[in-house]
Structure formats: structure tokens, C-alpha cells
């Protein structure tokens, strides 16, 4: 059985992701951090009321 091919591009992206994660501050978001208006706006952006609901 032959050895699987090594893809350097995938490994490179993974290394960059770890570097980026190390630069981000450790913050924990609490549900109380967003007010109702912010939640409504985020929901509208994600699920616009103008989009029909598919069956």
C-alpha cells in the first residue's frame, strides 16, 4: 500500500490558524453582553424576514 500524499498547503493554513489564535485575547462572552436590539439585528442579518421559509 502506498503512503498518502502530503499536502503542504493544508498544513501551512493550520499553522497560520494556530498563530492567529495565539494573538487573540482570551475573552469569554456572556449572554448578557448583547442587548435585545443587538440580538434582533443579528438574527435579521442571519435570517432575513424577507426570505421565504422552505418546507
PDB file of N, CA and C in Angstrom:
ATOM      1  N   UNK A   1       0.841  -1.182   0.000  1.00  0.00           N
ATOM      2  CA  UNK A   1       0.000   0.000   0.000  1.00  0.00           C
ATOM      3  C   UNK A   1       0.887   1.246   0.000  1.00  0.00           C
ATOM      4  N   UNK A   2       0.568   2.221  -0.835  1.00  0.00           N
ATOM      5  CA  UNK A   2       1.404   3.415  -0.915  1.00  0.00           C
ATOM      6  C   UNK A   2       1.052   4.417   0.191  1.00  0.00           C
ATOM      7  N   UNK A   3       2.026   5.227   0.510  1.00  0.00           N
ATOM      8  CA  UNK A   3       1.859   6.238   1.556  1.00  0.00           C
ATOM      9  C   UNK A   3       1.008   7.394   1.018  1.00  0.00           C
ATOM     10  N   UNK A   4       0.084   7.960   1.828  1.00  0.00           N
ATOM     11  CA  UNK A   4      -0.742   9.067   1.336  1.00  0.00           C
ATOM     12  C   UNK A   4       0.117  10.286   1.011  1.00  0.00           C
ATOM     13  N   UNK A   5      -0.328  11.042   0.018  1.00  0.00           N
ATOM     14  CA  UNK A   5       0.413  12.238  -0.381  1.00  0.00           C
ATOM     15  C   UNK A   5       0.329  13.290   0.717  1.00  0.00           C
ATOM     16  N   UNK A   6       1.418  14.004   0.894  1.00  0.00           N
ATOM     17  CA  UNK A   6       1.494  15.062   1.908  1.00  0.00           C
ATOM     18  C   UNK A   6       1.144  16.392   1.243  1.00  0.00           C
ATOM     19  N   UNK A   7       0.161  17.078   1.765  1.00  0.00           N
ATOM     20  CA  UNK A   7      -0.241  18.359   1.192  1.00  0.00           C
ATOM     21  C   UNK A   7       0.245  19.481   2.102  1.00  0.00           C
ATOM     22  N   UNK A   8       1.299  20.174   1.677  1.00  0.00           N
ATOM     23  CA  UNK A   8       1.895  21.234   2.497  1.00  0.00           C
ATOM     24  C   UNK A   8       0.958  22.420   2.676  1.00  0.00           C
ATOM     25  N   UNK A   9       0.106  22.695   1.697  1.00  0.00           N
ATOM     26  CA  UNK A   9      -0.798  23.843   1.793  1.00  0.00           C
ATOM     27  C   UNK A   9      -1.746  23.717   2.975  1.00  0.00           C
ATOM     28  N   UNK A  10      -2.289  22.540   3.181  1.00  0.00           N
ATOM     29  CA  UNK A  10      -3.221  22.335   4.292  1.00  0.00           C
ATOM     30  C   UNK A  10      -2.497  22.536   5.616  1.00  0.00           C
ATOM     31  N   UNK A  11      -1.307  21.984   5.725  1.00  0.00           N
ATOM     32  CA  UNK A  11      -0.535  22.114   6.955  1.00  0.00           C
ATOM     33  C   UNK A  11      -0.185  23.580   7.215  1.00  0.00           C
ATOM     34  N   UNK A  12       0.132  24.314   6.161  1.00  0.00           N
ATOM     35  CA  UNK A  12       0.509  25.714   6.294  1.00  0.00           C
ATOM     36  C   UNK A  12      -0.662  26.539   6.829  1.00  0.00           C
ATOM     37  N   UNK A  13      -1.852  26.320   6.328  1.00  0.00           N
ATOM     38  CA  UNK A  13      -3.032  27.042   6.801  1.00  0.00           C
ATOM     39  C   UNK A  13      -3.280  26.730   8.267  1.00  0.00           C
ATOM     40  N   UNK A  14      -3.145  25.467   8.635  1.00  0.00           N
ATOM     41  CA  UNK A  14      -3.350  25.063  10.023  1.00  0.00           C
ATOM     42  C   UNK A  14      -2.371  25.782  10.942  1.00  0.00           C
ATOM     43  N   UNK A  15      -1.104  25.871  10.547  1.00  0.00           N
ATOM     44  CA  UNK A  15      -0.113  26.579  11.360  1.00  0.00           C
ATOM     45  C   UNK A  15      -0.479  28.044  11.505  1.00  0.00           C
ATOM     46  N   UNK A  16      -0.938  28.677  10.427  1.00  0.00           N
ATOM     47  CA  UNK A  16      -1.340  30.083  10.489  1.00  0.00           C
ATOM     48  C   UNK A  16      -2.523  30.272  11.415  1.00  0.00           C
ATOM     49  N   UNK A  17      -3.467  29.347  11.400  1.00  0.00           N
ATOM     50  CA  UNK A  17      -4.628  29.438  12.279  1.00  0.00           C
ATOM     51  C   UNK A  17      -4.200  29.411  13.736  1.00  0.00           C
ATOM     52  N   UNK A  18      -3.248  28.553  14.070  1.00  0.00           N
ATOM     53  CA  UNK A  18      -2.776  28.476  15.454  1.00  0.00           C
ATOM     54  C   UNK A  18      -2.084  29.774  15.847  1.00  0.00           C
ATOM     55  N   UNK A  19      -1.287  30.358  14.943  1.00  0.00           N
ATOM     56  CA  UNK A  19      -0.614  31.622  15.241  1.00  0.00           C
ATOM     57  C   UNK A  19      -1.631  32.719  15.498  1.00  0.00           C
ATOM     58  N   UNK A  20      -2.677  32.776  14.688  1.00  0.00           N
ATOM     59  CA  UNK A  20      -3.709  33.795  14.846  1.00  0.00           C
ATOM     60  C   UNK A  20      -4.442  33.612  16.167  1.00  0.00           C
ATOM     61  N   UNK A  21      -4.754  32.384  16.514  1.00  0.00           N
ATOM     62  CA  UNK A  21      -5.461  32.111  17.763  1.00  0.00           C
ATOM     63  C   UNK A  21      -4.625  32.541  18.962  1.00  0.00           C
ATOM     64  N   UNK A  22      -3.316  32.413  18.869  1.00  0.00           N
ATOM     65  CA  UNK A  22      -2.445  32.827  19.970  1.00  0.00           C
ATOM     66  C   UNK A  22      -2.443  34.339  20.149  1.00  0.00           C
ATOM     67  N   UNK A  23      -2.741  35.100  19.090  1.00  0.00           N
ATOM     68  CA  UNK A  23      -2.727  36.561  19.160  1.00  0.00           C
ATOM     69  C   UNK A  23      -4.031  37.131  19.711  1.00  0.00           C
ATOM     70  N   UNK A  24      -5.100  36.354  19.687  1.00  0.00           N
ATOM     71  CA  UNK A  24      -6.390  36.852  20.150  1.00  0.00           C
ATOM     72  C   UNK A  24      -6.456  36.827  21.671  1.00  0.00           C
ATOM     73  N   UNK A  25      -7.063  37.860  22.262  1.00  0.00           N
ATOM     74  CA  UNK A  25      -7.177  37.869  23.722  1.00  0.00           C
ATOM     75  C   UNK A  25      -8.158  36.798  24.191  1.00  0.00           C
ATOM     76  N   UNK A  26      -7.926  36.286  25.375  1.00  0.00           N
ATOM     77  CA  UNK A  26      -8.830  35.296  25.956  1.00  0.00           C
ATOM     78  C   UNK A  26      -9.993  36.027  26.607  1.00  0.00           C
ATOM     79  N   UNK A  27     -11.113  36.070  25.928  1.00  0.00           N
ATOM     80  CA  UNK A  27     -12.300  36.715  26.483  1.00  0.00           C
ATOM     81  C   UNK A  27     -13.443  35.729  26.429  1.00  0.00           C
ATOM     82  N   UNK A  28     -14.267  35.791  27.418  1.00  0.00           N
ATOM     83  CA  UNK A  28     -15.411  34.900  27.475  1.00  0.00           C
ATOM     84  C   UNK A  28     -16.667  35.750  27.369  1.00  0.00           C
ATOM     85  N   UNK A  29     -17.489  35.468  26.379  1.00  0.00           N
ATOM     86  CA  UNK A  29     -18.715  36.245  26.200  1.00  0.00           C
ATOM     87  C   UNK A  29     -19.823  35.640  27.028  1.00  0.00           C
ATOM     88  N   UNK A  30     -20.554  36.502  27.658  1.00  0.00           N
ATOM     89  CA  UNK A  30     -21.696  36.092  28.453  1.00  0.00           C
ATOM     90  C   UNK A  30     -22.963  36.448  27.683  1.00  0.00           C
ATOM     91  N   UNK A  31     -24.055  35.724  27.869  1.00  0.00           N
ATOM     92  CA  UNK A  31     -25.302  36.049  27.168  1.00  0.00           C
ATOM     93  C   UNK A  31     -25.772  37.476  27.447  1.00  0.00           C
ATOM     94  N   UNK A  32     -25.427  38.024  28.599  1.00  0.00           N
ATOM     95  CA  UNK A  32     -25.863  39.378  28.948  1.00  0.00           C
ATOM     96  C   UNK A  32     -25.080  40.457  28.211  1.00  0.00           C
ATOM     97  N   UNK A  33     -24.003  40.086  27.489  1.00  0.00           N
ATOM     98  CA  UNK A  33     -23.184  41.069  26.788  1.00  0.00           C
ATOM     99  C   UNK A  33     -23.945  41.761  25.658  1.00  0.00           C
ATOM    100  N   UNK A  34     -24.941  41.113  25.089  1.00  0.00           N
ATOM    101  CA  UNK A  34     -25.703  41.684  23.976  1.00  0.00           C
ATOM    102  C   UNK A  34     -27.100  42.058  24.463  1.00  0.00           C
ATOM    103  N   UNK A  35     -27.535  43.266  24.067  1.00  0.00           N
ATOM    104  CA  UNK A  35     -28.896  43.643  24.445  1.00  0.00           C
ATOM    105  C   UNK A  35     -29.884  43.088  23.421  1.00  0.00           C
ATOM    106  N   UNK A  36     -31.161  43.221  23.706  1.00  0.00           N
ATOM    107  CA  UNK A  36     -32.185  42.637  22.819  1.00  0.00           C
ATOM    108  C   UNK A  36     -32.108  43.190  21.404  1.00  0.00           C
ATOM    109  N   UNK A  37     -31.821  44.488  21.276  1.00  0.00           N
ATOM    110  CA  UNK A  37     -31.733  45.119  19.954  1.00  0.00           C
ATOM    111  C   UNK A  37     -30.596  44.487  19.137  1.00  0.00           C
ATOM    112  N   UNK A  38     -29.449  44.257  19.770  1.00  0.00           N
ATOM    113  CA  UNK A  38     -28.324  43.636  19.070  1.00  0.00           C
ATOM    114  C   UNK A  38     -28.669  42.210  18.632  1.00  0.00           C
ATOM    115  N   UNK A  39     -29.358  41.493  19.488  1.00  0.00           N
ATOM    116  CA  UNK A  39     -29.753  40.123  19.156  1.00  0.00           C
ATOM    117  C   UNK A  39     -30.726  40.132  17.981  1.00  0.00           C
ATOM    118  N   UNK A  40     -31.719  41.040  18.014  1.00  0.00           N
ATOM    119  CA  UNK A  40     -32.685  41.144  16.916  1.00  0.00           C
ATOM    120  C   UNK A  40     -31.988  41.477  15.605  1.00  0.00           C
ATOM    121  N   UNK A  41     -31.026  42.413  15.640  1.00  0.00           N
ATOM    122  CA  UNK A  41     -30.290  42.788  14.427  1.00  0.00           C
ATOM    123  C   UNK A  41     -29.502  41.595  13.881  1.00  0.00           C
ATOM    124  N   UNK A  42     -28.834  40.874  14.767  1.00  0.00           N
ATOM    125  CA  UNK A  42     -28.037  39.724  14.331  1.00  0.00           C
ATOM    126  C   UNK A  42     -28.925  38.642  13.718  1.00  0.00           C
ATOM    127  N   UNK A  43     -30.071  38.407  14.323  1.00  0.00           N
ATOM    128  CA  UNK A  43     -30.999  37.413  13.776  1.00  0.00           C
ATOM    129  C   UNK A  43     -31.525  37.843  12.412  1.00  0.00           C
ATOM    130  N   UNK A  44     -31.838  39.131  12.267  1.00  0.00           N
ATOM    131  CA  UNK A  44     -32.352  39.639  10.989  1.00  0.00           C
ATOM    132  C   UNK A  44     -31.286  39.520   9.899  1.00  0.00           C
ATOM    133  N   UNK A  45     -30.020  39.773  10.245  1.00  0.00           N
ATOM    134  CA  UNK A  45     -28.942  39.637   9.264  1.00  0.00           C
ATOM    135  C   UNK A  45     -28.753  38.173   8.862  1.00  0.00           C
ATOM    136  N   UNK A  46     -28.885  37.286   9.823  1.00  0.00           N
ATOM    137  CA  UNK A  46     -28.675  35.863   9.559  1.00  0.00           C
ATOM    138  C   UNK A  46     -29.865  35.228   8.856  1.00  0.00           C
ATOM    139  N   UNK A  47     -31.060  35.577   9.327  1.00  0.00           N
ATOM    140  CA  UNK A  47     -32.295  35.015   8.778  1.00  0.00           C
ATOM    141  C   UNK A  47     -33.237  36.156   8.399  1.00  0.00           C
ATOM    142  N   UNK A  48     -33.031  36.789   7.229  1.00  0.00           N
ATOM    143  CA  UNK A  48     -33.876  37.918   6.833  1.00  0.00           C
ATOM    144  C   UNK A  48     -35.356  37.537   6.770  1.00  0.00           C
ATOM    145  N   UNK A  49     -36.210  38.426   7.271  1.00  0.00           N
ATOM    146  CA  UNK A  49     -37.651  38.178   7.280  1.00  0.00           C
ATOM    147  C   UNK A  49     -38.199  38.095   5.856  1.00  0.00           C
ATOM    148  N   UNK A  50     -37.515  38.717   4.904  1.00  0.00           N
ATOM    149  CA  UNK A  50     -37.981  38.710   3.518  1.00  0.00           C
ATOM    150  C   UNK A  50     -37.739  37.367   2.826  1.00  0.00           C
ATOM    151  N   UNK A  51     -36.880  36.519   3.384  1.00  0.00           N
ATOM    152  CA  UNK A  51     -36.622  35.206   2.786  1.00  0.00           C
ATOM    153  C   UNK A  51     -37.775  34.256   3.087  1.00  0.00           C
ATOM    154  N   UNK A  52     -38.263  33.567   2.063  1.00  0.00           N
ATOM    155  CA  UNK A  52     -39.332  32.596   2.319  1.00  0.00           C
ATOM    156  C   UNK A  52     -38.793  31.398   3.104  1.00  0.00           C
ATOM    157  N   UNK A  53     -39.636  30.825   3.899  1.00  0.00           N
ATOM    158  CA  UNK A  53     -39.256  29.638   4.662  1.00  0.00           C
ATOM    159  C   UNK A  53     -39.466  28.428   3.764  1.00  0.00           C
ATOM    160  N   UNK A  54     -38.409  27.643   3.611  1.00  0.00           N
ATOM    161  CA  UNK A  54     -38.539  26.467   2.749  1.00  0.00           C
ATOM    162  C   UNK A  54     -39.165  25.317   3.529  1.00  0.00           C
ATOM    163  N   UNK A  55     -39.984  24.513   2.844  1.00  0.00           N
ATOM    164  CA  UNK A  55     -40.668  23.401   3.525  1.00  0.00           C
ATOM    165  C   UNK A  55     -39.723  22.306   3.957  1.00  0.00           C
TER     166      UNK A  55
END
